[in-house]
Amino acid sequence: VEPAAGIDFGVAVTRGTDADKQVTFAGSADFLGITVRSLENEGAANTGDLKYNQYKTAAVLREGYIWAVCPTGCVPGDSVNYVDGTGVLDSGAAVAGETQLDGATWETTAAAGELAVIRLDTSAVTAGA
């Protein structure tokens, strides 16, 4: 993990400055995958420190299904986008400062701020504007 503040679980990432060893928050058109929650990388109980710290090894899902928070809510078949520079995932068409993940879809229903399943197939996913 490259950023000094670390990287949360369930966000879009790309290769970092050292492309062989680092990931950082995805920007437009450079999506690598979605960070996977790791119990061994959670901070002290009840502190809210749920992330990969800088220099730690992060698990990144590049193909498959993953639970993620959907800030605005979603229904099956909704498109997936992320906020450039933070990697926060959401549903619907991307607007300025966001990137659409063509080929990735939300697979379950969730109200705003709840967990839902994303289907991700990096052979079909392209990060478009």
Protein backbone atom coordinates (compact mmCIF):
# COMPACT_ATOMS: atom_id res chain seq x y z
CA VAL A 1 0.00 0.00 0.00
CA GLU A 2 1.45 3.32 -1.08
CA PRO A 3 -0.62 6.15 0.55
CA ALA A 4 0.60 7.25 3.99
CA ALA A 5 -3.01 7.22 5.28
CA GLY A 6 -3.52 3.64 4.08
CA ILE A 7 -6.33 2.24 1.95
CA ASP A 8 -9.80 1.20 3.11
CA PHE A 9 -11.37 -2.15 2.32
CA GLY A 10 -13.79 -2.28 -0.62
CA VAL A 11 -12.40 0.55 -2.76
CA ALA A 12 -11.06 0.76 -6.32
CA VAL A 13 -7.27 0.71 -6.62
CA THR A 14 -4.57 0.87 -9.27
CA ARG A 15 -0.85 0.14 -9.37
CA GLY A 16 1.28 2.50 -7.29
CA THR A 17 4.56 4.27 -8.03
CA ASP A 18 6.34 0.91 -7.77
CA ALA A 19 4.01 -1.02 -10.09
CA ASP A 20 5.37 -4.38 -8.92
CA LYS A 21 4.80 -3.80 -5.21
CA GLN A 22 2.31 -1.01 -4.53
CA VAL A 23 -1.34 -0.10 -4.96
CA THR A 24 -2.94 3.30 -4.57
CA PHE A 25 -6.39 4.84 -5.09
CA ALA A 26 -7.63 4.50 -8.65
CA GLY A 27 -7.90 7.55 -10.84
CA SER A 28 -9.65 7.74 -14.17
CA ALA A 29 -8.90 4.93 -16.63
CA ASP A 30 -6.38 3.02 -14.48
CA PHE A 31 -8.48 0.50 -12.51
CA LEU A 32 -6.74 -2.64 -11.18
CA GLY A 33 -9.28 -4.14 -8.76
CA ILE A 34 -11.12 -3.77 -5.43
CA THR A 35 -9.46 -4.17 -2.02
CA VAL A 36 -10.69 -7.16 -0.02
CA ARG A 37 -11.42 -6.96 3.72
CA SER A 38 -8.79 -8.73 5.79
CA LEU A 39 -9.45 -9.49 9.45
CA GLU A 40 -5.74 -9.60 10.22
CA ASN A 41 -5.37 -6.02 9.01
CA GLU A 42 -8.08 -4.48 11.17
CA GLY A 43 -7.00 -2.12 13.92
CA ALA A 44 -7.81 -2.42 17.62
CA ALA A 45 -11.38 -3.50 18.36
CA ASN A 46 -14.06 -0.83 17.97
CA THR A 47 -11.65 1.89 16.80
CA GLY A 48 -13.00 2.07 13.27
CA ASP A 49 -9.47 1.52 11.92
CA LEU A 50 -10.54 -0.84 9.13
CA LYS A 51 -7.95 -0.51 6.41
CA TYR A 52 -4.61 -1.58 5.02
CA ASN A 53 -1.87 0.58 6.49
CA GLN A 54 0.96 2.00 4.40
CA TYR A 55 3.54 -0.61 3.30
CA LYS A 56 1.21 -3.53 4.15
CA THR A 57 0.29 -6.17 1.60
CA ALA A 58 -3.26 -5.64 0.31
CA ALA A 59 -5.53 -8.30 -1.16
CA VAL A 60 -7.05 -7.05 -4.42
CA LEU A 61 -9.97 -8.79 -6.13
CA ARG A 62 -9.63 -8.67 -9.91
CA GLU A 63 -12.36 -11.13 -10.79
CA GLY A 64 -15.33 -12.51 -8.87
CA TYR A 65 -17.91 -11.28 -6.40
CA ILE A 66 -17.36 -8.91 -3.48
CA TRP A 67 -19.49 -7.19 -0.87
CA ALA A 68 -19.07 -3.40 -0.84
CA VAL A 69 -20.89 -0.40 0.59
CA CYS A 70 -23.11 1.33 -1.97
CA PRO A 71 -23.46 4.98 -0.82
CA THR A 72 -26.54 5.81 -2.90
CA GLY A 73 -28.19 2.37 -2.97
CA CYS A 74 -28.55 -0.05 -5.86
CA VAL A 75 -30.59 -2.79 -7.51
CA PRO A 76 -29.38 -5.82 -9.48
CA GLY A 77 -27.93 -4.80 -12.83
CA ASP A 78 -26.97 -1.25 -11.81
CA SER A 79 -23.65 -0.08 -13.19
CA VAL A 80 -20.63 0.49 -10.92
CA ASN A 81 -18.53 3.65 -10.75
CA TYR A 82 -15.88 4.98 -8.38
CA VAL A 83 -14.70 8.39 -7.20
CA ASP A 84 -11.33 9.27 -8.76
CA GLY A 85 -8.62 9.61 -6.13
CA THR A 86 -10.55 7.91 -3.28
CA GLY A 87 -11.74 4.73 -4.98
CA VAL A 88 -15.16 4.90 -3.26
CA LEU A 89 -17.55 2.67 -5.21
CA ASP A 90 -21.14 3.65 -6.07
CA SER A 91 -23.97 2.88 -8.48
CA GLY A 92 -25.25 4.69 -11.54
CA ALA A 93 -23.64 6.65 -14.32
CA ALA A 94 -20.35 8.37 -13.53
CA VAL A 95 -20.35 12.16 -13.32
CA ALA A 96 -17.42 14.61 -13.23
CA GLY A 97 -14.69 13.28 -10.90
CA GLU A 98 -15.92 9.68 -11.19
CA THR A 99 -15.04 6.77 -13.47
CA GLN A 100 -17.48 4.20 -14.85
CA LEU A 101 -16.50 0.52 -14.57
CA ASP A 102 -17.99 -0.81 -17.79
CA GLY A 103 -18.69 -4.53 -17.40
CA ALA A 104 -19.02 -4.50 -13.58
CA THR A 105 -22.49 -4.63 -12.02
CA TRP A 106 -24.20 -4.51 -8.66
CA GLU A 107 -25.85 -7.91 -8.14
CA THR A 108 -28.05 -7.36 -5.07
CA THR A 109 -30.42 -4.70 -3.73
CA ALA A 110 -29.23 -2.25 -1.07
CA ALA A 111 -30.53 0.96 0.44
CA ALA A 112 -28.18 3.95 0.60
CA GLY A 113 -25.11 3.16 2.70
CA GLU A 114 -25.75 -0.59 2.88
CA LEU A 115 -23.70 -3.52 1.65
CA ALA A 116 -24.36 -5.11 -1.74
CA VAL A 117 -22.57 -7.54 -4.03
CA ILE A 118 -20.52 -6.43 -7.05
CA ARG A 119 -19.74 -8.82 -9.90
CA LEU A 120 -16.31 -8.03 -11.29
CA ASP A 121 -14.69 -9.61 -14.33
CA THR A 122 -11.52 -7.71 -15.22
CA SER A 123 -11.42 -9.33 -18.65
CA ALA A 124 -14.64 -7.42 -19.40
CA VAL A 125 -14.13 -4.36 -17.19
CA THR A 126 -12.87 -1.15 -18.68
CA ALA A 127 -12.57 2.12 -16.82
CA GLY A 128 -14.24 4.69 -19.00
CA ALA A 129 -15.03 8.33 -18.32
